Amino acid sequence: MVVRSTFLENDEFGYSCYTIVLPAHPKLTAKLLEVERAAGQKIAKIPAHITVKGTLYGISSLEEMIELIRTVASRHQPFSLSVEGKELFDSEQSVILGFPVNAEIQALHDDLVTNIAPLGKPAYYDDPYRVHMSIVNEVEPEGVQIARDQIKQIDFGAGLQLSAIELMARDGMASGGVWKRLERFELGG
């Protein structure tokens, strides 16, 4: 069963929901945080990242999930994600940047879904996997326009270099909550 994670309350481990992401380079993250601020991002949002395993909640064991993620990360090597062919998607309240799926990110995603999904309940369906980076979520229409205009000015270079995944958890509901990095796992390591 899929449920909107916005209003989930904290579980026995102290978090309302979890996700596994590929963090963006700090320089790109800083630029995208400027876009978020300018657009009026208010709800809890993970800094610039690509979701590799979608949000889940109601996990049975945080310790087991961390160990499984470590094992999965060790099986995959760092890789690049091309920005050629990226597309900007927006709605009334959100702006999302979509990237072409390559074999490396699809394999990492599939491995995580196979091994991690049984530990909890999905907040949304993971497949088909769509490689995306949320720029802003649940902002006013003026914020959507600001984000659209500013994201076009950011140089993403030749591609994104991805060398680690992070387990993120949200403490509290989306409004007033905070996303925290619980652990970082180096790919191949």
C-alpha atoms as a PDB file:
ATOM      1  CA  MET A   1       0.000   0.000   0.000  1.00  0.00           C
ATOM      2  CA  VAL A   2       1.344   3.431  -0.957  1.00  0.00           C
ATOM      3  CA  VAL A   3       0.790   6.395   1.380  1.00  0.00           C
ATOM      4  CA  ARG A   4       1.700  10.060   1.185  1.00  0.00           C
ATOM      5  CA  SER A   5       4.590  10.582   3.611  1.00  0.00           C
ATOM      6  CA  THR A   6       3.849  14.250   4.357  1.00  0.00           C
ATOM      7  CA  PHE A   7       1.965  13.593   7.595  1.00  0.00           C
ATOM      8  CA  LEU A   8       3.692  10.467   8.896  1.00  0.00           C
ATOM      9  CA  GLU A   9       4.643  10.600  12.565  1.00  0.00           C
ATOM     10  CA  ASN A  10       7.923   9.391  14.037  1.00  0.00           C
ATOM     11  CA  ASP A  11       8.419   5.674  14.540  1.00  0.00           C
ATOM     12  CA  GLU A  12      10.183   3.777  17.339  1.00  0.00           C
ATOM     13  CA  PHE A  13      13.568   4.792  15.842  1.00  0.00           C
ATOM     14  CA  GLY A  14      12.695   8.498  15.992  1.00  0.00           C
ATOM     15  CA  TYR A  15      11.978   9.144  12.307  1.00  0.00           C
ATOM     16  CA  SER A  16       8.824   9.356  10.223  1.00  0.00           C
ATOM     17  CA  CYS A  17      10.286   8.098   6.934  1.00  0.00           C
ATOM     18  CA  TYR A  18      13.511   7.139   5.167  1.00  0.00           C
ATOM     19  CA  THR A  19      15.037   7.311   1.714  1.00  0.00           C
ATOM     20  CA  ILE A  20      18.351   6.456   0.063  1.00  0.00           C
ATOM     21  CA  VAL A  21      19.951   9.118  -2.086  1.00  0.00           C
ATOM     22  CA  LEU A  22      22.996   9.930  -4.177  1.00  0.00           C
ATOM     23  CA  PRO A  23      24.126  13.340  -2.848  1.00  0.00           C
ATOM     24  CA  ALA A  24      25.139  16.056  -5.280  1.00  0.00           C
ATOM     25  CA  HIS A  25      28.576  17.655  -5.149  1.00  0.00           C
ATOM     26  CA  PRO A  26      28.750  20.373  -2.434  1.00  0.00           C
ATOM     27  CA  LYS A  27      29.214  23.174  -5.016  1.00  0.00           C
ATOM     28  CA  LEU A  28      26.056  22.130  -6.859  1.00  0.00           C
ATOM     29  CA  THR A  29      24.228  21.687  -3.565  1.00  0.00           C
ATOM     30  CA  ALA A  30      25.102  25.269  -2.553  1.00  0.00           C
ATOM     31  CA  LYS A  31      23.741  26.632  -5.853  1.00  0.00           C
ATOM     32  CA  LEU A  32      20.539  24.633  -5.541  1.00  0.00           C
ATOM     33  CA  LEU A  33      20.020  25.755  -1.935  1.00  0.00           C
ATOM     34  CA  GLU A  34      20.058  29.329  -3.258  1.00  0.00           C
ATOM     35  CA  VAL A  35      17.299  28.360  -5.704  1.00  0.00           C
ATOM     36  CA  GLU A  36      15.275  26.778  -2.885  1.00  0.00           C
ATOM     37  CA  ARG A  37      15.548  29.896  -0.735  1.00  0.00           C
ATOM     38  CA  ALA A  38      14.643  32.221  -3.610  1.00  0.00           C
ATOM     39  CA  ALA A  39      11.626  30.052  -4.505  1.00  0.00           C
ATOM     40  CA  GLY A  40      10.347  29.950  -0.928  1.00  0.00           C
ATOM     41  CA  GLN A  41      10.920  26.271  -0.103  1.00  0.00           C
ATOM     42  CA  LYS A  42       9.301  25.764   3.330  1.00  0.00           C
ATOM     43  CA  ILE A  43       8.692  22.049   3.938  1.00  0.00           C
ATOM     44  CA  ALA A  44      11.495  19.677   4.896  1.00  0.00           C
ATOM     45  CA  LYS A  45      13.640  18.850   1.864  1.00  0.00           C
ATOM     46  CA  ILE A  46      16.857  16.901   1.452  1.00  0.00           C
ATOM     47  CA  PRO A  47      19.643  19.054  -0.035  1.00  0.00           C
ATOM     48  CA  ALA A  48      20.452  18.422  -3.716  1.00  0.00           C
ATOM     49  CA  HIS A  49      20.320  14.692  -4.404  1.00  0.00           C
ATOM     50  CA  ILE A  50      19.099  12.007  -6.719  1.00  0.00           C
ATOM     51  CA  THR A  51      16.729   9.549  -5.106  1.00  0.00           C
ATOM     52  CA  VAL A  52      17.928   6.006  -5.692  1.00  0.00           C
ATOM     53  CA  LYS A  53      15.481   4.177  -3.393  1.00  0.00           C
ATOM     54  CA  GLY A  54      12.184   5.927  -2.795  1.00  0.00           C
ATOM     55  CA  THR A  55      10.738   6.932   0.538  1.00  0.00           C
ATOM     56  CA  LEU A  56       9.707   4.166   2.906  1.00  0.00           C
ATOM     57  CA  TYR A  57       8.298   4.061   6.420  1.00  0.00           C
ATOM     58  CA  GLY A  58       7.279   1.551   9.070  1.00  0.00           C
ATOM     59  CA  ILE A  59      10.657  -0.183   8.938  1.00  0.00           C
ATOM     60  CA  SER A  60      11.216  -3.291  11.004  1.00  0.00           C
ATOM     61  CA  SER A  61      14.888  -2.669  11.868  1.00  0.00           C
ATOM     62  CA  LEU A  62      17.058   0.402  11.362  1.00  0.00           C
ATOM     63  CA  GLU A  63      20.195  -1.590  12.174  1.00  0.00           C
ATOM     64  CA  GLU A  64      19.351  -4.267   9.592  1.00  0.00           C
ATOM     65  CA  MET A  65      18.593  -1.619   6.975  1.00  0.00           C
ATOM     66  CA  ILE A  66      21.967   0.072   7.550  1.00  0.00           C
ATOM     67  CA  GLU A  67      23.822  -3.238   7.203  1.00  0.00           C
ATOM     68  CA  LEU A  68      21.935  -4.137   4.005  1.00  0.00           C
ATOM     69  CA  ILE A  69      22.666  -0.723   2.478  1.00  0.00           C
ATOM     70  CA  ARG A  70      26.361  -1.141   3.347  1.00  0.00           C
ATOM     71  CA  THR A  71      26.385  -4.516   1.585  1.00  0.00           C
ATOM     72  CA  VAL A  72      24.607  -3.165  -1.493  1.00  0.00           C
ATOM     73  CA  ALA A  73      26.924  -0.124  -1.695  1.00  0.00           C
ATOM     74  CA  SER A  74      29.989  -2.382  -1.595  1.00  0.00           C
ATOM     75  CA  ARG A  75      28.774  -4.201  -4.727  1.00  0.00           C
ATOM     76  CA  HIS A  76      28.619  -1.047  -6.880  1.00  0.00           C
ATOM     77  CA  GLN A  77      31.427   1.177  -8.132  1.00  0.00           C
ATOM     78  CA  PRO A  78      31.345   4.989  -8.400  1.00  0.00           C
ATOM     79  CA  PHE A  79      29.891   6.183 -11.700  1.00  0.00           C
ATOM     80  CA  SER A  80      28.913   9.237 -13.724  1.00  0.00           C
ATOM     81  CA  LEU A  81      25.424  10.301 -14.651  1.00  0.00           C
ATOM     82  CA  SER A  82      25.131  12.235 -17.863  1.00  0.00           C
ATOM     83  CA  VAL A  83      23.301  15.539 -17.816  1.00  0.00           C
ATOM     84  CA  GLU A  84      22.855  15.414 -21.568  1.00  0.00           C
ATOM     85  CA  GLY A  85      19.156  15.018 -22.238  1.00  0.00           C
ATOM     86  CA  LYS A  86      18.085  16.281 -18.813  1.00  0.00           C
ATOM     87  CA  GLU A  87      14.543  17.645 -18.707  1.00  0.00           C
ATOM     88  CA  LEU A  88      12.798  20.133 -16.484  1.00  0.00           C
ATOM     89  CA  PHE A  89       9.371  19.103 -15.201  1.00  0.00           C
ATOM     90  CA  ASP A  90       7.119  21.285 -13.155  1.00  0.00           C
ATOM     91  CA  SER A  91       3.665  21.406 -11.699  1.00  0.00           C
ATOM     92  CA  GLU A  92       1.739  24.029  -9.807  1.00  0.00           C
ATOM     93  CA  GLN A  93       3.956  23.507  -6.729  1.00  0.00           C
ATOM     94  CA  SER A  94       7.122  21.646  -7.762  1.00  0.00           C
ATOM     95  CA  VAL A  95      10.090  21.720 -10.109  1.00  0.00           C
ATOM     96  CA  ILE A  96      11.940  18.491 -10.869  1.00  0.00           C
ATOM     97  CA  LEU A  97      14.961  17.840 -13.055  1.00  0.00           C
ATOM     98  CA  GLY A  98      14.881  14.471 -14.805  1.00  0.00           C
ATOM     99  CA  PHE A  99      17.971  12.645 -16.086  1.00  0.00           C
ATOM    100  CA  PRO A 100      18.388   9.718 -18.475  1.00  0.00           C
ATOM    101  CA  VAL A 101      18.719   6.374 -16.704  1.00  0.00           C
ATOM    102  CA  ASN A 102      22.047   4.608 -17.264  1.00  0.00           C
ATOM    103  CA  ALA A 103      22.935   0.988 -16.504  1.00  0.00           C
ATOM    104  CA  GLU A 104      24.884   1.819 -13.331  1.00  0.00           C
ATOM    105  CA  ILE A 105      22.178   3.808 -11.585  1.00  0.00           C
ATOM    106  CA  GLN A 106      19.474   1.346 -12.643  1.00  0.00           C
ATOM    107  CA  ALA A 107      21.494  -1.572 -11.215  1.00  0.00           C
ATOM    108  CA  LEU A 108      22.063   0.277  -7.931  1.00  0.00           C
ATOM    109  CA  HIS A 109      18.376   1.157  -7.714  1.00  0.00           C
ATOM    110  CA  ASP A 110      17.268  -2.402  -8.460  1.00  0.00           C
ATOM    111  CA  ASP A 111      19.676  -3.851  -5.891  1.00  0.00           C
ATOM    112  CA  LEU A 112      18.441  -1.455  -3.205  1.00  0.00           C
ATOM    113  CA  VAL A 113      14.765  -2.054  -3.986  1.00  0.00           C
ATOM    114  CA  THR A 114      15.226  -5.823  -3.915  1.00  0.00           C
ATOM    115  CA  ASN A 115      17.090  -5.799  -0.603  1.00  0.00           C
ATOM    116  CA  ILE A 116      15.662  -2.821   1.294  1.00  0.00           C
ATOM    117  CA  ALA A 117      12.004  -2.687   0.252  1.00  0.00           C
ATOM    118  CA  PRO A 118      10.986  -5.765   2.309  1.00  0.00           C
ATOM    119  CA  LEU A 119      12.027  -3.955   5.516  1.00  0.00           C
ATOM    120  CA  GLY A 120       9.320  -1.285   5.274  1.00  0.00           C
ATOM    121  CA  LYS A 121       6.315   0.107   3.445  1.00  0.00           C
ATOM    122  CA  PRO A 122       6.642   2.312   0.339  1.00  0.00           C
ATOM    123  CA  ALA A 123       5.452   5.908   0.389  1.00  0.00           C
ATOM    124  CA  TYR A 124       5.322   5.716  -3.430  1.00  0.00           C
ATOM    125  CA  TYR A 125       6.144   3.200  -6.110  1.00  0.00           C
ATOM    126  CA  ASP A 126       9.820   2.830  -7.014  1.00  0.00           C
ATOM    127  CA  ASP A 127       9.299   1.401 -10.475  1.00  0.00           C
ATOM    128  CA  PRO A 128       9.564   2.257 -13.207  1.00  0.00           C
ATOM    129  CA  TYR A 129      12.618   4.073 -11.876  1.00  0.00           C
ATOM    130  CA  ARG A 130      12.824   7.706 -12.915  1.00  0.00           C
ATOM    131  CA  VAL A 131      16.133   9.396 -12.187  1.00  0.00           C
ATOM    132  CA  HIS A 132      15.256  12.816 -10.812  1.00  0.00           C
ATOM    133  CA  MET A 133      16.422  15.651  -8.647  1.00  0.00           C
ATOM    134  CA  SER A 134      13.708  17.644  -6.857  1.00  0.00           C
ATOM    135  CA  ILE A 135      14.552  21.317  -7.104  1.00  0.00           C
ATOM    136  CA  VAL A 136      11.596  22.633  -5.056  1.00  0.00           C
ATOM    137  CA  ASN A 137       8.528  20.951  -3.560  1.00  0.00           C
ATOM    138  CA  GLU A 138       5.217  22.429  -2.467  1.00  0.00           C
ATOM    139  CA  VAL A 139       6.084  26.084  -3.132  1.00  0.00           C
ATOM    140  CA  GLU A 140       3.790  28.866  -4.313  1.00  0.00           C
ATOM    141  CA  PRO A 141       3.298  29.287  -8.102  1.00  0.00           C
ATOM    142  CA  GLU A 142       5.649  32.314  -8.058  1.00  0.00           C
ATOM    143  CA  GLY A 143       8.298  30.079  -6.480  1.00  0.00           C
ATOM    144  CA  VAL A 144       7.891  27.546  -9.275  1.00  0.00           C
ATOM    145  CA  GLN A 145       8.610  30.275 -11.829  1.00  0.00           C
ATOM    146  CA  ILE A 146      11.618  31.526  -9.850  1.00  0.00           C
ATOM    147  CA  ALA A 147      13.017  27.984  -9.627  1.00  0.00           C
ATOM    148  CA  ARG A 148      12.433  27.357 -13.353  1.00  0.00           C
ATOM    149  CA  ASP A 149      14.248  30.563 -14.278  1.00  0.00           C
ATOM    150  CA  GLN A 150      17.177  30.042 -11.906  1.00  0.00           C
ATOM    151  CA  ILE A 151      17.761  26.358 -12.654  1.00  0.00           C
ATOM    152  CA  LYS A 152      18.327  27.224 -16.317  1.00  0.00           C
ATOM    153  CA  GLN A 153      21.300  29.371 -15.245  1.00  0.00           C
ATOM    154  CA  ILE A 154      23.100  26.573 -13.389  1.00  0.00           C
ATOM    155  CA  ASP A 155      25.920  24.794 -15.187  1.00  0.00           C
ATOM    156  CA  PHE A 156      25.799  21.071 -14.405  1.00  0.00           C
ATOM    157  CA  GLY A 157      29.030  20.452 -16.311  1.00  0.00           C
ATOM    158  CA  ALA A 158      29.530  17.244 -18.265  1.00  0.00           C
ATOM    159  CA  GLY A 159      27.755  15.116 -15.686  1.00  0.00           C
ATOM    160  CA  LEU A 160      27.306  14.205 -12.062  1.00  0.00           C
ATOM    161  CA  GLN A 161      30.057  12.172 -10.399  1.00  0.00           C
ATOM    162  CA  LEU A 162      28.460   9.815  -7.899  1.00  0.00           C
ATOM    163  CA  SER A 163      30.587   7.948  -5.383  1.00  0.00           C
ATOM    164  CA  ALA A 164      28.405   7.404  -2.314  1.00  0.00           C
ATOM    165  CA  ILE A 165      24.860   6.830  -1.191  1.00  0.00           C
ATOM    166  CA  GLU A 166      23.290   8.220   1.956  1.00  0.00           C
ATOM    167  CA  LEU A 167      20.523   6.970   4.188  1.00  0.00           C
ATOM    168  CA  MET A 168      18.343   9.955   5.013  1.00  0.00           C
ATOM    169  CA  ALA A 169      15.568  10.065   7.606  1.00  0.00           C
ATOM    170  CA  ARG A 170      13.006  12.726   8.348  1.00  0.00           C
ATOM    171  CA  ASP A 171      12.426  13.687  11.966  1.00  0.00           C
ATOM    172  CA  GLY A 172       8.800  14.833  12.094  1.00  0.00           C
ATOM    173  CA  MET A 173       6.253  15.650   9.433  1.00  0.00           C
ATOM    174  CA  ALA A 174       7.123  17.465   6.214  1.00  0.00           C
ATOM    175  CA  SER A 175       5.997  20.796   7.643  1.00  0.00           C
ATOM    176  CA  GLY A 176       8.287  21.552  10.565  1.00  0.00           C
ATOM    177  CA  GLY A 177      10.307  18.360  10.147  1.00  0.00           C
ATOM    178  CA  VAL A 178      13.988  18.023   9.304  1.00  0.00           C
ATOM    179  CA  TRP A 179      15.788  15.526   7.066  1.00  0.00           C
ATOM    180  CA  LYS A 180      18.946  14.099   8.637  1.00  0.00           C
ATOM    181  CA  ARG A 181      21.734  12.027   7.165  1.00  0.00           C
ATOM    182  CA  LEU A 182      21.962   8.850   9.235  1.00  0.00           C
ATOM    183  CA  GLU A 183      24.854   7.251   7.394  1.00  0.00           C
ATOM    184  CA  ARG A 184      27.008   7.599   4.289  1.00  0.00           C
ATOM    185  CA  PHE A 185      28.128   4.536   2.322  1.00  0.00           C
ATOM    186  CA  GLU A 186      30.966   4.790  -0.180  1.00  0.00           C
ATOM    187  CA  LEU A 187      30.288   2.864  -3.393  1.00  0.00           C
ATOM    188  CA  GLY A 188      32.691  -0.022  -3.856  1.00  0.00           C
ATOM    189  CA  GLY A 189      33.835   0.318  -0.365  1.00  0.00           C
END
